[in-house]
Protein backbone atom coordinates (compact mmCIF):
# COMPACT_ATOMS: atom_id res chain seq x y z
CA MET A 1 -28.59 5.68 16.95
CA THR A 2 -31.90 6.23 18.84
CA ALA A 3 -32.44 9.08 21.23
CA TYR A 4 -32.55 6.24 24.20
CA SER A 5 -29.18 4.79 23.38
CA ARG A 6 -27.50 8.42 22.90
CA ARG A 7 -28.88 9.41 26.47
CA GLY A 8 -27.41 6.25 27.70
CA ILE A 9 -24.09 6.98 26.11
CA LEU A 10 -24.08 10.55 27.72
CA ALA A 11 -25.26 9.27 31.16
CA PHE A 12 -22.23 6.99 30.97
CA LEU A 13 -19.70 9.49 29.78
CA SER A 14 -21.07 12.35 32.70
CA LEU A 15 -20.79 9.61 35.23
CA SER A 16 -17.21 8.61 34.09
CA LEU A 17 -16.23 12.34 34.15
CA LEU A 18 -17.64 12.89 37.66
CA THR A 19 -15.92 9.70 39.04
CA THR A 20 -12.47 10.90 37.33
CA ALA A 21 -12.96 14.40 38.90
CA THR A 22 -13.81 13.31 42.28
CA SER A 23 -11.23 10.77 42.61
CA LEU A 24 -8.45 13.25 41.46
CA GLY A 25 -9.30 15.58 44.63
CA HIS A 26 -9.34 19.19 44.74
CA PRO A 27 -6.16 21.21 44.37
CA GLY A 28 -5.13 22.83 47.92
CA HIS A 29 -7.14 20.41 49.58
CA ALA A 30 -4.84 17.26 50.37
CA GLY A 31 -6.79 13.90 51.33
CA HIS A 32 -5.31 10.47 51.87
CA ASP A 33 -5.63 10.00 48.10
CA ASP A 34 -3.27 12.61 47.28
CA HIS A 35 -0.47 11.28 49.34
CA ILE A 36 2.61 10.50 47.16
CA ASP A 37 4.84 7.42 48.14
CA ALA A 38 8.51 7.31 48.87
CA GLU A 39 9.62 6.83 45.31
CA ASP A 40 7.55 9.88 44.27
CA ALA A 41 9.16 11.82 46.99
CA ALA A 42 12.78 11.06 45.96
CA LEU A 43 11.53 12.03 42.24
CA ILE A 44 10.03 15.14 43.46
CA ALA A 45 13.25 16.06 45.69
CA LYS A 46 15.45 15.56 42.90
CA LYS A 47 13.66 18.08 40.47
CA VAL A 48 13.32 20.37 43.20
CA VAL A 49 17.46 20.53 43.64
CA ALA A 50 17.63 20.67 39.90
CA ALA A 51 15.32 23.80 40.12
CA LYS A 52 17.56 25.40 42.86
CA VAL A 53 20.62 24.75 40.89
CA ALA A 54 18.75 26.39 37.73
CA GLU A 55 17.88 29.49 40.02
CA GLY A 56 21.67 29.84 40.92
CA LYS A 57 20.91 28.96 44.58
CA LEU A 58 22.91 25.45 44.83
CA ASP A 59 26.00 24.43 43.32
CA SER A 60 25.56 22.38 39.92
CA ALA A 61 27.43 19.64 41.43
CA TRP A 62 24.17 18.65 43.31
CA LEU A 63 22.60 17.40 40.14
CA ALA A 64 25.01 14.61 40.23
CA VAL A 65 23.74 13.43 43.62
CA SER A 66 21.18 10.73 44.27
CA ALA A 67 18.54 11.21 46.93
CA ASN A 68 18.86 8.72 49.93
CA ASN A 69 15.62 6.84 51.16
CA PRO A 70 12.75 9.12 51.92
CA GLU A 71 11.81 9.11 55.36
CA ALA A 72 8.36 10.04 56.77
CA VAL A 73 8.93 12.38 59.53
CA LYS A 74 7.04 13.99 62.34
CA SER A 75 7.44 17.78 62.67
CA GLY A 76 5.25 19.12 65.41
CA LYS A 77 1.90 17.75 64.64
CA VAL A 78 2.36 17.10 60.70
CA ILE A 79 4.08 14.39 59.03
CA GLU A 80 6.47 15.38 55.87
CA TRP A 81 8.85 13.42 53.85
CA LEU A 82 12.31 14.20 54.14
CA VAL A 83 14.33 13.19 51.35
CA THR A 84 18.41 13.75 51.73
CA PHE A 85 21.16 14.34 49.82
CA ASP A 86 24.93 13.57 50.65
CA ARG A 87 27.99 15.30 48.75
CA PRO A 88 31.08 13.68 51.08
CA ALA A 89 33.46 15.49 48.73
CA GLU A 90 32.23 19.04 50.06
CA VAL A 91 34.86 20.88 51.79
CA ASP A 92 32.57 22.64 53.84
CA PRO A 93 31.07 19.95 56.48
CA LYS A 94 27.93 22.02 57.28
CA LYS A 95 27.11 21.60 53.43
CA ARG A 96 27.47 18.14 52.92
CA ARG A 97 24.02 17.06 53.60
CA LEU A 98 21.15 18.42 51.83
CA TYR A 99 17.70 18.34 53.40
CA VAL A 100 14.33 18.49 51.21
CA PHE A 101 11.07 18.45 53.16
CA LEU A 102 7.74 17.80 51.31
CA LYS A 103 4.32 17.67 52.20
CA LEU A 104 2.51 14.24 51.79
CA ASP A 105 0.95 15.62 48.68
CA GLY A 106 4.32 16.34 47.15
CA GLN A 107 4.59 20.08 47.72
CA LEU A 108 7.52 21.57 48.91
CA SER A 109 7.75 22.46 52.42
CA GLY A 110 11.41 23.31 52.86
CA ILE A 111 14.87 22.97 51.48
CA ASN A 112 18.07 23.65 53.68
CA PHE A 113 21.49 22.38 55.12
CA THR A 114 20.43 21.98 58.79
CA GLY A 115 17.60 19.71 58.77
CA ARG A 116 15.25 21.89 60.76
C-alpha cells in the first residue's frame, strides 16, 4: 500500500468518525435529532417504572401493566412525552393511574399519581 492510498484511507476514516460524532449530538444539548418517538417513550417509561419498583418506590404489580399510548403534551413552554399506566384493580382510586413525564430526548422529567 502506498503512502498516498494510506493517506486517503485515513482521511476517509477521519471524515467518517467526524460525521458520526456530530450526528450523535452532544450530551445535555438536545437538538431535534435527539428527540425520541412515541414507541421509544413507552419503552423508556416502562424502564422507569421498573427502576422505581426496584427502588421500592412502587408496588411490583406495576411491572405487569402496559403503557398507554404516549402523548406529546405542553407544560408551560415545554413539550414533553406523557406516558400513563392504568391499574383498574388498585383499591385506592388516587393510585390507579401512574403518570411518567419524559423530556423529548427521553430523560425523566417526573413520575407521579397526580398528572401534574
